[in-house]
Amino acid sequence: MSIMTTTHLNFRGAAREALGFYRSVFGGRGVTVTYKDAGNVQDENEADWVMWGEVVGENGFRVMAYDVPSQLPWNQGENPFFVSVRGDDADEISALWQKLAQGSTVVRPLDAAPWAPLYGMLTDRFGVTWVLDVTASYNAPYNAPYNG
């Protein structure tokens, strides 16, 4: 059992471009899943926005990003990132969630999601937003190149 933390950057329509830039700087592989890929389109104009993406470099660099949908509040200066905690053990992630949730505001309860066996989001008493999830294989065509 192991977990990793990753900086999870938040954008509004610029995640693909940002991930492409970071990949050009740090190298490695890039992955993107659009809202359309995940079957989670809320606004047709945002169907090709990034619901989840990451760049993983051979040098240890790792960053995740997504495009905050327009129906959710977003201010680049107020919530530009999340801290993502991912693991492969549901019990371990659940235990971490229970500890982090004390005194926190739950944004999305830790529960099954279409893209993960467990996924949840909360903002702790210090104002840091955490995303916890159990990793899952995703077999859709999501290795799309970063073409802007």
Protein backbone atom coordinates (compact mmCIF):
# COMPACT_ATOMS: atom_id res chain seq x y z
CA MET A 1 0.00 0.00 0.00
CA SER A 2 1.28 3.38 -0.92
CA ILE A 3 -0.09 6.81 -1.65
CA MET A 4 1.29 9.82 -3.44
CA THR A 5 0.47 13.49 -3.30
CA THR A 6 0.40 15.58 -6.43
CA THR A 7 -0.27 19.23 -7.10
CA HIS A 8 -3.58 19.43 -8.97
CA LEU A 9 -3.88 22.69 -10.92
CA ASN A 10 -7.23 24.26 -11.75
CA PHE A 11 -7.99 26.20 -14.92
CA ARG A 12 -11.00 27.32 -16.89
CA GLY A 13 -10.50 26.13 -20.45
CA ALA A 14 -6.67 26.25 -20.41
CA ALA A 15 -5.73 22.91 -18.78
CA ARG A 16 -4.77 21.20 -22.06
CA GLU A 17 -2.51 24.09 -23.04
CA ALA A 18 -0.94 24.25 -19.57
CA LEU A 19 -0.30 20.50 -19.46
CA GLY A 20 1.28 20.67 -22.90
CA PHE A 21 3.55 23.46 -21.75
CA TYR A 22 4.62 21.60 -18.60
CA ARG A 23 5.27 18.50 -20.67
CA SER A 24 7.47 20.52 -23.04
CA VAL A 25 9.45 21.77 -20.05
CA PHE A 26 9.75 18.59 -17.97
CA GLY A 27 9.29 15.87 -20.59
CA GLY A 28 7.55 12.60 -19.83
CA ARG A 29 4.14 11.39 -20.81
CA GLY A 30 0.85 13.23 -20.82
CA VAL A 31 -2.69 11.98 -20.35
CA THR A 32 -5.96 13.84 -20.73
CA VAL A 33 -9.56 12.79 -20.17
CA THR A 34 -12.17 15.23 -21.42
CA TYR A 35 -15.64 15.65 -19.96
CA LYS A 36 -16.91 13.98 -23.16
CA ASP A 37 -14.53 11.01 -22.70
CA ALA A 38 -15.85 10.50 -19.17
CA GLY A 39 -19.51 10.90 -20.13
CA ASN A 40 -19.82 13.87 -17.80
CA VAL A 41 -20.73 16.76 -20.12
CA GLN A 42 -22.70 19.46 -18.29
CA ASP A 43 -22.24 22.16 -20.96
CA GLU A 44 -21.73 21.21 -24.63
CA ASN A 45 -19.29 24.14 -25.02
CA GLU A 46 -17.06 22.46 -22.43
CA ALA A 47 -17.27 18.87 -23.70
CA ASP A 48 -13.64 18.89 -24.86
CA TRP A 49 -12.31 20.58 -21.74
CA VAL A 50 -10.02 18.51 -19.54
CA MET A 51 -11.84 16.73 -16.72
CA TRP A 52 -8.58 15.17 -15.61
CA GLY A 53 -5.08 15.29 -16.98
CA GLU A 54 -1.54 14.76 -15.87
CA VAL A 55 2.07 14.97 -16.94
CA VAL A 56 4.51 12.47 -15.43
CA GLY A 57 8.21 12.96 -16.13
CA GLU A 58 10.90 10.32 -15.84
CA ASN A 59 12.71 12.76 -13.54
CA GLY A 60 9.96 12.50 -10.89
CA PHE A 61 7.98 15.57 -11.97
CA ARG A 62 4.23 15.07 -11.71
CA VAL A 63 1.37 17.52 -12.04
CA MET A 64 -2.37 17.06 -12.54
CA ALA A 65 -4.85 19.57 -13.95
CA TYR A 66 -8.45 20.09 -14.93
CA ASP A 67 -10.80 22.71 -16.31
CA VAL A 68 -13.29 23.86 -13.69
CA PRO A 69 -16.75 23.73 -15.33
CA SER A 70 -18.59 27.02 -15.65
CA GLN A 71 -21.34 25.95 -13.23
CA LEU A 72 -18.77 25.85 -10.40
CA PRO A 73 -17.17 28.91 -8.87
CA TRP A 74 -13.58 29.53 -9.88
CA ASN A 75 -11.20 32.39 -9.33
CA GLN A 76 -7.62 31.91 -10.46
CA GLY A 77 -6.34 33.84 -7.46
CA GLU A 78 -8.45 31.99 -4.88
CA ASN A 79 -8.45 28.30 -5.84
CA PRO A 80 -5.70 27.70 -8.41
CA PHE A 81 -4.82 24.23 -7.11
CA PHE A 82 -5.85 21.17 -5.11
CA VAL A 83 -3.67 18.64 -3.36
CA SER A 84 -4.45 15.23 -4.80
CA VAL A 85 -3.92 12.10 -2.70
CA ARG A 86 -4.16 8.92 -4.73
CA GLY A 87 -3.76 5.34 -3.67
CA ASP A 88 -4.77 1.85 -4.62
CA ASP A 89 -6.19 0.78 -1.27
CA ALA A 90 -9.74 1.91 -0.47
CA ASP A 91 -9.32 1.33 3.28
CA GLU A 92 -6.20 3.49 3.39
CA ILE A 93 -7.80 6.32 1.41
CA SER A 94 -10.95 6.11 3.57
CA ALA A 95 -8.89 6.34 6.77
CA LEU A 96 -7.04 9.40 5.47
CA TRP A 97 -10.37 10.95 4.44
CA GLN A 98 -11.81 10.46 7.94
CA LYS A 99 -8.83 12.26 9.49
CA LEU A 100 -8.78 15.12 6.96
CA ALA A 101 -12.55 15.58 7.18
CA GLN A 102 -12.40 16.65 10.84
CA GLY A 103 -13.23 20.36 10.85
CA SER A 104 -13.39 20.43 7.04
CA THR A 105 -16.07 21.43 4.57
CA VAL A 106 -16.95 18.46 2.38
CA VAL A 107 -17.25 19.54 -1.24
CA ARG A 108 -18.02 16.05 -2.55
CA PRO A 109 -18.40 13.09 -0.17
CA LEU A 110 -15.97 10.20 -0.54
CA ASP A 111 -17.96 7.73 -2.61
CA ALA A 112 -17.89 5.79 -5.85
CA ALA A 113 -17.63 7.88 -9.01
CA PRO A 114 -17.91 6.91 -12.67
CA TRP A 115 -14.12 7.31 -13.00
CA ALA A 116 -12.92 5.89 -9.67
CA PRO A 117 -13.96 3.33 -7.05
CA LEU A 118 -13.71 6.13 -4.46
CA TYR A 119 -13.45 9.87 -5.02
CA GLY A 120 -14.04 12.81 -2.70
CA MET A 121 -13.15 16.45 -2.22
CA LEU A 122 -12.98 18.59 0.88
CA THR A 123 -11.57 21.91 2.02
CA ASP A 124 -9.76 21.66 5.33
CA ARG A 125 -9.91 24.19 8.14
CA PHE A 126 -6.79 25.88 6.72
CA GLY A 127 -8.46 26.54 3.36
CA VAL A 128 -6.60 23.83 1.42
CA THR A 129 -8.75 21.76 -0.92
CA TRP A 130 -7.89 18.06 -1.02
CA VAL A 131 -8.99 15.49 -3.58
CA LEU A 132 -8.71 11.87 -2.44
CA ASP A 133 -9.29 8.94 -4.73
CA VAL A 134 -8.59 5.29 -5.35
CA THR A 135 -6.86 4.80 -8.67
CA ALA A 136 -8.62 2.88 -11.40
CA SER A 137 -7.74 1.80 -14.89
CA TYR A 138 -9.24 3.95 -17.58
CA ASN A 139 -9.40 2.24 -20.96
CA ALA A 140 -10.96 4.97 -23.11
CA PRO A 141 -8.87 6.76 -25.75
CA TYR A 142 -7.51 9.46 -23.48
CA ASN A 143 -3.86 9.74 -24.51
CA ALA A 144 -4.78 12.61 -26.78
CA PRO A 145 -1.90 14.88 -27.78
CA TYR A 146 -1.81 18.41 -26.44
CA ASN A 147 -2.83 20.27 -29.57
CA GLY A 148 -4.38 23.26 -27.83
